Protein backbone atom coordinates (compact mmCIF):
# COMPACT_ATOMS: atom_id res chain seq x y z
CA UNK A 1 37.69 16.20 36.87
CA UNK A 2 36.01 15.90 33.46
CA UNK A 3 39.43 15.58 31.81
CA UNK A 4 40.23 12.52 33.93
CA UNK A 5 36.91 10.78 33.29
CA UNK A 6 37.92 9.14 29.97
CA UNK A 7 41.58 8.82 31.03
CA UNK A 8 41.34 7.23 34.48
CA UNK A 9 37.75 7.00 35.68
CA UNK A 10 38.66 5.40 39.01
CA UNK A 11 40.09 8.64 40.34
CA UNK A 12 37.01 10.67 39.38
CA UNK A 13 34.96 9.78 42.51
CA UNK A 14 37.70 11.32 44.66
CA UNK A 15 37.88 14.43 42.48
CA UNK A 16 34.08 14.67 42.40
CA UNK A 17 33.92 14.43 46.18
CA UNK A 18 36.45 17.25 46.53
CA UNK A 19 34.50 19.35 44.03
CA UNK A 20 31.18 18.85 45.81
CA UNK A 21 32.79 19.48 49.20
CA UNK A 22 34.35 22.69 47.91
CA UNK A 23 30.98 23.82 46.59
CA UNK A 24 29.27 23.13 49.90
CA UNK A 25 31.98 24.88 51.95
CA UNK A 26 32.26 27.85 49.63
CA UNK A 27 32.09 31.12 51.62
CA UNK A 28 29.21 32.43 49.58
CA UNK A 29 27.65 29.69 47.44
CA UNK A 30 24.99 31.09 45.16
CA UNK A 31 22.14 28.76 45.99
CA UNK A 32 19.04 28.97 43.88
CA UNK A 33 16.12 26.57 43.71
CA UNK A 34 15.71 25.19 40.16
CA UNK A 35 13.31 27.18 37.95
CA UNK A 36 9.88 25.77 37.34
CA UNK A 37 10.70 24.32 33.92
CA UNK A 38 13.71 22.46 35.36
CA UNK A 39 11.99 21.03 38.44
CA UNK A 40 10.24 18.00 36.86
CA UNK A 41 13.55 16.58 35.59
CA UNK A 42 15.23 17.42 38.89
CA UNK A 43 12.50 15.76 40.94
CA UNK A 44 12.51 12.67 38.72
CA UNK A 45 16.23 11.96 39.01
CA UNK A 46 15.93 12.37 42.78
CA UNK A 47 12.97 9.96 42.76
CA UNK A 48 14.92 7.45 40.69
CA UNK A 49 17.63 7.24 43.34
CA UNK A 50 15.19 7.22 46.25
CA UNK A 51 13.32 4.29 44.69
CA UNK A 52 16.52 2.29 44.90
CA UNK A 53 16.74 3.22 48.58
CA UNK A 54 13.20 1.89 49.05
CA UNK A 55 14.26 -1.25 47.16
CA UNK A 56 16.56 -2.08 50.07
CA UNK A 57 13.53 -2.74 52.26
CA UNK A 58 12.64 -5.97 50.45
CA UNK A 59 15.97 -7.13 49.02
CA UNK A 60 17.49 -10.38 50.26
CA UNK A 61 21.07 -9.30 49.60
CA UNK A 62 21.45 -6.11 51.60
CA UNK A 63 25.20 -5.80 51.06
CA UNK A 64 24.77 -5.89 47.27
CA UNK A 65 21.98 -3.33 47.52
CA UNK A 66 24.09 -1.00 49.64
CA UNK A 67 26.95 -1.28 47.17
CA UNK A 68 24.53 -0.48 44.33
CA UNK A 69 23.47 2.70 46.13
CA UNK A 70 27.12 3.71 46.43
CA UNK A 71 27.63 3.21 42.70
CA UNK A 72 24.51 5.28 41.96
CA UNK A 73 25.42 8.08 44.40
CA UNK A 74 26.45 10.46 41.55
CA UNK A 75 22.80 10.35 40.39
CA UNK A 76 21.88 12.02 43.67
CA UNK A 77 24.92 14.11 44.58
CA UNK A 78 25.55 15.92 41.28
CA UNK A 79 21.92 16.93 40.58
CA UNK A 80 21.37 17.87 44.21
CA UNK A 81 24.37 20.22 44.38
CA UNK A 82 24.70 21.47 40.80
CA UNK A 83 20.93 21.74 40.37
CA UNK A 84 20.69 24.09 43.35
CA UNK A 85 23.63 26.31 42.46
CA UNK A 86 23.26 29.30 40.17
CA UNK A 87 24.54 28.08 36.76
CA UNK A 88 28.10 29.05 35.78
CA UNK A 89 28.96 31.50 33.05
CA UNK A 90 28.92 30.22 29.46
CA UNK A 91 32.72 30.58 29.33
CA UNK A 92 33.04 28.17 32.27
CA UNK A 93 30.78 25.64 30.56
CA UNK A 94 32.86 26.00 27.38
CA UNK A 95 36.02 25.20 29.34
CA UNK A 96 34.35 22.17 30.94
CA UNK A 97 33.31 20.78 27.57
CA UNK A 98 36.74 21.46 26.11
CA UNK A 99 38.43 19.70 29.04
CA UNK A 100 36.29 16.62 28.42
CA UNK A 101 37.19 16.66 24.71
CA UNK A 102 40.89 16.96 25.56
CA UNK A 103 40.53 14.08 28.01
CA UNK A 104 38.97 11.89 25.30
CA UNK A 105 41.75 12.76 22.87
CA UNK A 106 44.41 12.06 25.51
CA UNK A 107 42.83 8.71 26.40
CA UNK A 108 42.63 7.78 22.71
CA UNK A 109 46.28 8.62 22.15
CA UNK A 110 47.15 6.56 25.22
CA UNK A 111 45.28 3.56 23.81
CA UNK A 112 46.79 3.91 20.34
CA UNK A 113 50.28 4.33 21.79
CA UNK A 114 49.90 1.13 23.80
CA UNK A 115 48.55 -0.74 20.76
CA UNK A 116 51.48 0.47 18.65
CA UNK A 117 53.96 -0.66 21.32
CA UNK A 118 52.36 -4.12 21.50
CA UNK A 119 52.53 -4.41 17.72
CA UNK A 120 56.19 -3.38 17.60
CA UNK A 121 57.25 -5.63 20.47
CA UNK A 122 55.06 -8.72 20.07
CA UNK A 123 53.60 -8.30 16.58
CA UNK A 124 50.09 -8.62 18.04
CA UNK A 125 47.22 -6.57 16.62
CA UNK A 126 45.64 -4.54 19.46
CA UNK A 127 44.06 -1.69 17.50
CA UNK A 128 40.40 -2.71 17.89
CA UNK A 129 37.70 -3.38 20.48
CA UNK A 130 38.74 -4.48 23.99
CA UNK A 131 42.39 -4.81 23.07
CA UNK A 132 42.40 -1.10 22.22
CA UNK A 133 40.27 0.11 25.15
CA UNK A 134 42.40 -1.53 27.83
CA UNK A 135 41.65 0.98 30.58
CA UNK A 136 37.84 0.79 30.68
CA UNK A 137 34.83 -1.01 29.21
CA UNK A 138 34.82 -0.41 25.47
CA UNK A 139 31.11 0.53 25.40
CA UNK A 140 31.55 3.32 27.91
CA UNK A 141 34.71 4.62 26.29
CA UNK A 142 32.90 4.75 22.95
CA UNK A 143 30.03 6.60 24.64
CA UNK A 144 32.47 9.16 26.06
CA UNK A 145 34.07 9.69 22.66
CA UNK A 146 30.69 10.10 21.00
CA UNK A 147 29.71 12.77 23.53
CA UNK A 148 33.00 14.59 22.90
CA UNK A 149 32.28 14.37 19.18
CA UNK A 150 28.86 15.92 19.78
CA UNK A 151 30.42 18.79 21.73
CA UNK A 152 32.94 19.59 19.00
CA UNK A 153 30.46 19.08 16.18
CA UNK A 154 27.91 21.48 17.66
CA UNK A 155 30.56 24.12 18.29
CA UNK A 156 31.87 23.82 14.73
CA UNK A 157 28.41 24.19 13.22
CA UNK A 158 27.68 27.14 15.53
CA UNK A 159 31.04 28.69 14.67
CA UNK A 160 31.92 29.42 18.30
CA UNK A 161 35.59 28.79 18.88
CA UNK A 162 35.90 25.40 17.17
CA UNK A 163 36.08 26.47 13.55
CA UNK A 164 39.82 26.06 13.00
CA UNK A 165 41.42 23.19 11.13
CA UNK A 166 42.68 21.52 14.31
CA UNK A 167 39.13 20.95 15.54
CA UNK A 168 38.15 19.40 12.23
CA UNK A 169 41.07 17.04 12.74
CA UNK A 170 39.73 16.25 16.22
CA UNK A 171 36.34 15.34 14.72
CA UNK A 172 37.86 12.87 12.27
CA UNK A 173 40.18 11.50 14.95
CA UNK A 174 37.23 10.80 17.25
CA UNK A 175 35.35 9.12 14.40
CA UNK A 176 38.46 7.05 13.67
CA UNK A 177 38.48 5.89 17.29
CA UNK A 178 34.76 5.05 17.18
CA UNK A 179 35.33 2.80 14.18
CA UNK A 180 38.34 1.12 15.77
CA UNK A 181 36.48 0.50 19.03
CA UNK A 182 33.72 -1.29 17.08
CA UNK A 183 30.94 -0.43 19.52
CA UNK A 184 27.87 -1.09 17.41
CA UNK A 185 25.56 1.33 19.25
CA UNK A 186 28.15 4.13 19.16
CA UNK A 187 28.67 3.59 15.41
CA UNK A 188 24.94 3.71 14.80
CA UNK A 189 24.51 6.89 16.85
CA UNK A 190 27.50 8.49 15.11
CA UNK A 191 25.91 7.84 11.73
CA UNK A 192 22.62 9.28 12.97
CA UNK A 193 24.40 12.38 14.31
CA UNK A 194 26.13 13.07 11.01
CA UNK A 195 22.97 12.49 8.97
CA UNK A 196 20.88 14.70 11.26
CA UNK A 197 23.46 17.50 11.11
CA UNK A 198 23.46 17.41 7.31
CA UNK A 199 19.65 17.51 7.11
CA UNK A 200 19.43 20.32 9.69
CA UNK A 201 22.05 22.43 7.94
CA UNK A 202 20.30 22.12 4.57
CA UNK A 203 16.91 22.92 6.07
CA UNK A 204 18.30 26.00 7.79
CA UNK A 205 20.50 26.85 4.79
CA UNK A 206 23.42 27.39 7.15
CA UNK A 207 26.89 25.82 6.91
CA UNK A 208 25.66 23.33 4.34
CA UNK A 209 29.07 22.68 2.78
CA UNK A 210 30.76 22.24 6.16
CA UNK A 211 28.27 19.74 7.57
CA UNK A 212 28.04 17.82 4.29
CA UNK A 213 31.82 17.74 3.98
CA UNK A 214 32.17 16.40 7.52
CA UNK A 215 29.61 13.69 6.89
CA UNK A 216 31.12 12.62 3.56
CA UNK A 217 34.59 12.69 5.09
CA UNK A 218 33.37 10.45 7.92
CA UNK A 219 31.87 7.99 5.44
CA UNK A 220 35.12 7.90 3.45
CA UNK A 221 37.12 7.42 6.66
CA UNK A 222 34.85 4.55 7.71
CA UNK A 223 35.22 2.86 4.33
CA UNK A 224 39.02 3.16 4.40
CA UNK A 225 39.28 1.80 7.94
CA UNK A 226 36.98 -1.14 7.26
CA UNK A 227 38.85 -1.90 4.06
CA UNK A 228 42.40 -1.82 5.42
CA UNK A 229 42.24 -2.05 9.24
CA UNK A 230 38.97 -3.45 10.60
CA UNK A 231 38.59 -6.15 7.98
CA UNK A 232 35.69 -8.67 8.11
CA UNK A 233 37.72 -11.20 10.08
CA UNK A 234 38.04 -8.74 13.00
CA UNK A 235 34.91 -6.63 12.45
CA UNK A 236 32.37 -7.03 15.25
CA UNK A 237 29.64 -5.48 13.10
CA UNK A 238 30.20 -8.06 10.36
CA UNK A 239 30.42 -10.97 12.78
CA UNK A 240 27.29 -9.86 14.64
CA UNK A 241 25.24 -9.74 11.46
CA UNK A 242 26.62 -13.13 10.42
CA UNK A 243 26.05 -14.95 13.71
CA UNK A 244 22.90 -13.30 15.08
CA UNK A 245 20.62 -16.23 14.28
CA UNK A 246 22.82 -18.62 16.27
CA UNK A 247 21.55 -17.03 19.50
CA UNK A 248 18.34 -19.01 19.05
CA UNK A 249 20.18 -22.30 19.38
CA UNK A 250 23.45 -21.66 21.21
CA UNK A 251 23.54 -20.78 24.89
CA UNK A 252 27.18 -20.94 25.95
CA UNK A 253 28.35 -18.17 23.64
CA UNK A 254 30.70 -15.24 24.13
CA UNK A 255 29.68 -13.11 21.13
CA UNK A 256 28.22 -9.91 22.62
CA UNK A 257 25.19 -9.52 20.35
CA UNK A 258 24.20 -13.16 20.73
CA UNK A 259 24.64 -13.21 24.49
CA UNK A 260 22.61 -10.03 24.85
CA UNK A 261 19.63 -11.63 23.15
CA UNK A 262 19.79 -14.59 25.51
CA UNK A 263 20.14 -12.35 28.58
CA UNK A 264 17.23 -10.20 27.44
CA UNK A 265 15.01 -13.28 27.26
CA UNK A 266 16.10 -14.21 30.78
CA UNK A 267 15.39 -10.65 31.93
CA UNK A 268 11.91 -10.92 30.42
CA UNK A 269 11.23 -14.05 32.50
CA UNK A 270 12.37 -12.36 35.71
CA UNK A 271 10.28 -9.27 34.99
CA UNK A 272 7.23 -11.46 34.38
CA UNK A 273 7.77 -13.12 37.77
CA UNK A 274 8.18 -9.81 39.65
CA UNK A 275 6.26 -7.20 37.65
CA UNK A 276 5.11 -4.75 40.33
CA UNK A 277 7.97 -3.97 42.73
CA UNK A 278 10.76 -6.04 41.23
CA UNK A 279 13.19 -8.23 43.13
CA UNK A 280 14.79 -5.43 45.14
CA UNK A 281 17.87 -3.23 44.75
CA UNK A 282 20.39 -5.94 45.64
CA UNK A 283 18.83 -9.04 44.11
CA UNK A 284 19.19 -8.41 40.38
CA UNK A 285 22.54 -10.13 39.92
CA UNK A 286 21.66 -13.18 42.08
CA UNK A 287 18.47 -13.66 40.05
CA UNK A 288 20.34 -13.41 36.76
CA UNK A 289 23.11 -15.75 37.91
CA UNK A 290 20.52 -18.29 39.00
CA UNK A 291 19.13 -18.37 35.44
CA UNK A 292 22.63 -18.44 33.93
CA UNK A 293 23.46 -21.52 35.99
CA UNK A 294 20.19 -23.30 35.19
CA UNK A 295 20.64 -22.64 31.46
CA UNK A 296 24.34 -23.58 31.53
CA UNK A 297 25.24 -20.10 30.31
CA UNK A 298 28.62 -20.31 32.00
CA UNK A 299 30.31 -17.44 30.17
CA UNK A 300 27.67 -15.04 31.49
CA UNK A 301 27.76 -16.68 34.92
CA UNK A 302 31.54 -16.39 35.26
CA UNK A 303 31.58 -12.76 34.08
CA UNK A 304 28.52 -11.88 36.23
CA UNK A 305 26.93 -10.08 33.29
CA UNK A 306 24.11 -7.66 34.06
CA UNK A 307 20.98 -7.29 31.92
CA UNK A 308 22.83 -5.17 29.31
CA UNK A 309 19.76 -2.96 29.03
CA UNK A 310 19.10 -0.23 31.56
CA UNK A 311 15.33 -0.42 31.13
CA UNK A 312 15.34 -4.17 31.80
CA UNK A 313 17.81 -3.78 34.67
CA UNK A 314 15.65 -1.14 36.37
CA UNK A 315 12.45 -3.14 35.87
CA UNK A 316 14.01 -6.27 37.36
CA UNK A 317 15.11 -4.31 40.42
CA UNK A 318 12.15 -1.97 40.98
CA UNK A 319 9.31 -3.26 38.83
CA UNK A 320 7.01 -1.18 36.69
CA UNK A 321 7.28 1.83 38.99
CA UNK A 322 11.03 2.08 38.47
CA UNK A 323 10.65 1.69 34.72
CA UNK A 324 8.03 4.44 34.55
CA UNK A 325 10.20 6.84 36.54
CA UNK A 326 13.20 6.16 34.27
CA UNK A 327 11.14 6.66 31.11
CA UNK A 328 9.52 9.79 32.54
CA UNK A 329 12.97 11.16 33.40
CA UNK A 330 14.21 10.73 29.83
CA UNK A 331 11.03 11.99 28.16
CA UNK A 332 10.72 15.00 30.47
CA UNK A 333 14.37 15.89 29.90
CA UNK A 334 14.02 15.51 26.12
CA UNK A 335 11.01 17.82 26.09
CA UNK A 336 12.87 20.36 28.25
CA UNK A 337 15.93 20.28 25.99
CA UNK A 338 13.83 20.61 22.82
CA UNK A 339 11.76 23.51 24.11
CA UNK A 340 14.85 25.30 25.40
CA UNK A 341 16.81 24.69 22.18
CA UNK A 342 19.47 23.11 24.39
CA UNK A 343 21.01 21.02 21.63
CA UNK A 344 23.91 19.65 23.65
CA UNK A 345 21.46 18.42 26.28
CA UNK A 346 19.36 16.84 23.55
CA UNK A 347 22.37 15.06 22.07
CA UNK A 348 23.46 13.89 25.53
CA UNK A 349 20.05 12.34 26.14
CA UNK A 350 20.06 10.65 22.73
CA UNK A 351 23.57 9.27 23.29
CA UNK A 352 22.81 7.94 26.77
CA UNK A 353 19.30 6.79 25.86
CA UNK A 354 20.69 4.84 22.93
CA UNK A 355 23.27 3.16 25.12
CA UNK A 356 20.55 2.37 27.68
CA UNK A 357 19.22 -0.07 25.08
CA UNK A 358 22.39 -2.17 24.99
CA UNK A 359 24.14 -1.44 28.29
CA UNK A 360 23.11 -1.17 31.93
CA UNK A 361 24.77 2.24 32.06
CA UNK A 362 23.54 3.18 35.54
CA UNK A 363 24.92 0.03 37.15
CA UNK A 364 28.60 0.92 36.79
CA UNK A 365 30.77 3.70 38.14
CA UNK A 366 31.79 4.82 34.65
CA UNK A 367 28.12 5.13 33.70
CA UNK A 368 26.70 6.82 36.80
CA UNK A 369 29.53 9.37 36.96
CA UNK A 370 29.05 10.27 33.32
CA UNK A 371 25.26 10.43 33.45
CA UNK A 372 25.03 12.16 36.83
CA UNK A 373 27.60 14.83 36.00
CA UNK A 374 26.53 15.71 32.47
CA UNK A 375 22.84 15.43 33.27
CA UNK A 376 23.46 18.12 35.87
CA UNK A 377 25.78 20.24 33.72
CA UNK A 378 23.61 20.01 30.60
CA UNK A 379 19.96 19.13 31.25
CA UNK A 380 19.71 20.99 34.56
CA UNK A 381 22.00 23.86 33.58
CA UNK A 382 22.00 24.60 29.85
CA UNK A 383 18.33 25.74 29.69
CA UNK A 384 18.98 28.14 32.58
CA UNK A 385 22.05 29.58 30.84
CA UNK A 386 20.15 30.06 27.60
CA UNK A 387 17.30 31.72 29.46
CA UNK A 388 19.71 34.05 31.25
CA UNK A 389 21.35 34.99 27.94
CA UNK A 390 17.93 35.68 26.39
CA UNK A 391 16.93 37.92 29.31
CA UNK A 392 20.23 39.78 29.14
CA UNK A 393 19.87 40.38 25.40
CA UNK A 394 16.35 41.67 25.89
CA UNK A 395 17.59 44.10 28.53
CA UNK A 396 20.30 45.35 26.18
CA UNK A 397 17.77 45.82 23.38
CA UNK A 398 15.41 47.68 25.68
CA UNK A 399 18.14 50.19 26.46
């Protein structure tokens, strides 16, 4: 299932349904109520979904609201089932993470192979941005690749099964794909990840050369790609910095950074009009489209663009209460991951939280499947595994 997520996300709901059904019908499922330290995060993600159910009571577009609940179902189903099952063995979690990494590599090779074929046949350049990520939204694909990079990077620095040369190649390959995809948030988070790893390794005086070498290699790779492949005329980062001020005067624009700024101003107006309970679960898009039409923002109207910010999107739909629950969910989970030394969970929350700022991640199938599944497998599971390992080691020492 996790292998197919970056390759062909549309089939994942079917695979997820079969997985959850198998878990429920298992002859002897090992049910266990979440430990006390896990419960706040578990309760909050349940509350986040239930608030959207309540939002149906005052929405004017019930069909859109019902569809939204279907899209968000992984936020309920995965935490509900996985959160109540005794966590799997560390070896099983290792295989799950590795399958996701392999899926990201396979999807990347698929995209590069298609781009190479297009170049050979038509002479067209399809090695960047949406032309490269033909099978899914480029922002979500970049988010997947960044999470895979986090998995491999942590394992390499911990020296647990990922220390061979082939995994170092995987790291640089994933960074190569991030640069080619030109997702600005993913590039920023990748740079932060590398810098943080270098600082942490030097503070702990552990694997300093390895982490520094990886970071310097990534910088060199980025410079080479931007010099010879993603040149300024096709670089989204360069064009965004050049054209950002135009968003103050232009409305009918298609440049992503510019259009986001305009949409965020529109979102601010809607939030000011409905601050307490929002417009309802199904009325967010109709409200946005109404503003797009009035402002002659036809590119956004035709593409039915959402708020491109999960915090804004949630506030428009559910008001301040929804925003507070979402923020509490992230903060509570971050505290849990930090206290438990669950570094993969921490990185997952940073990756998704960063993308919440520029994408309405929880409004699409690719986003809810990713967040619901890995929130359950990491935030709700990793602290329990680490606690079980600690208890087992203490028992061995006592003997």
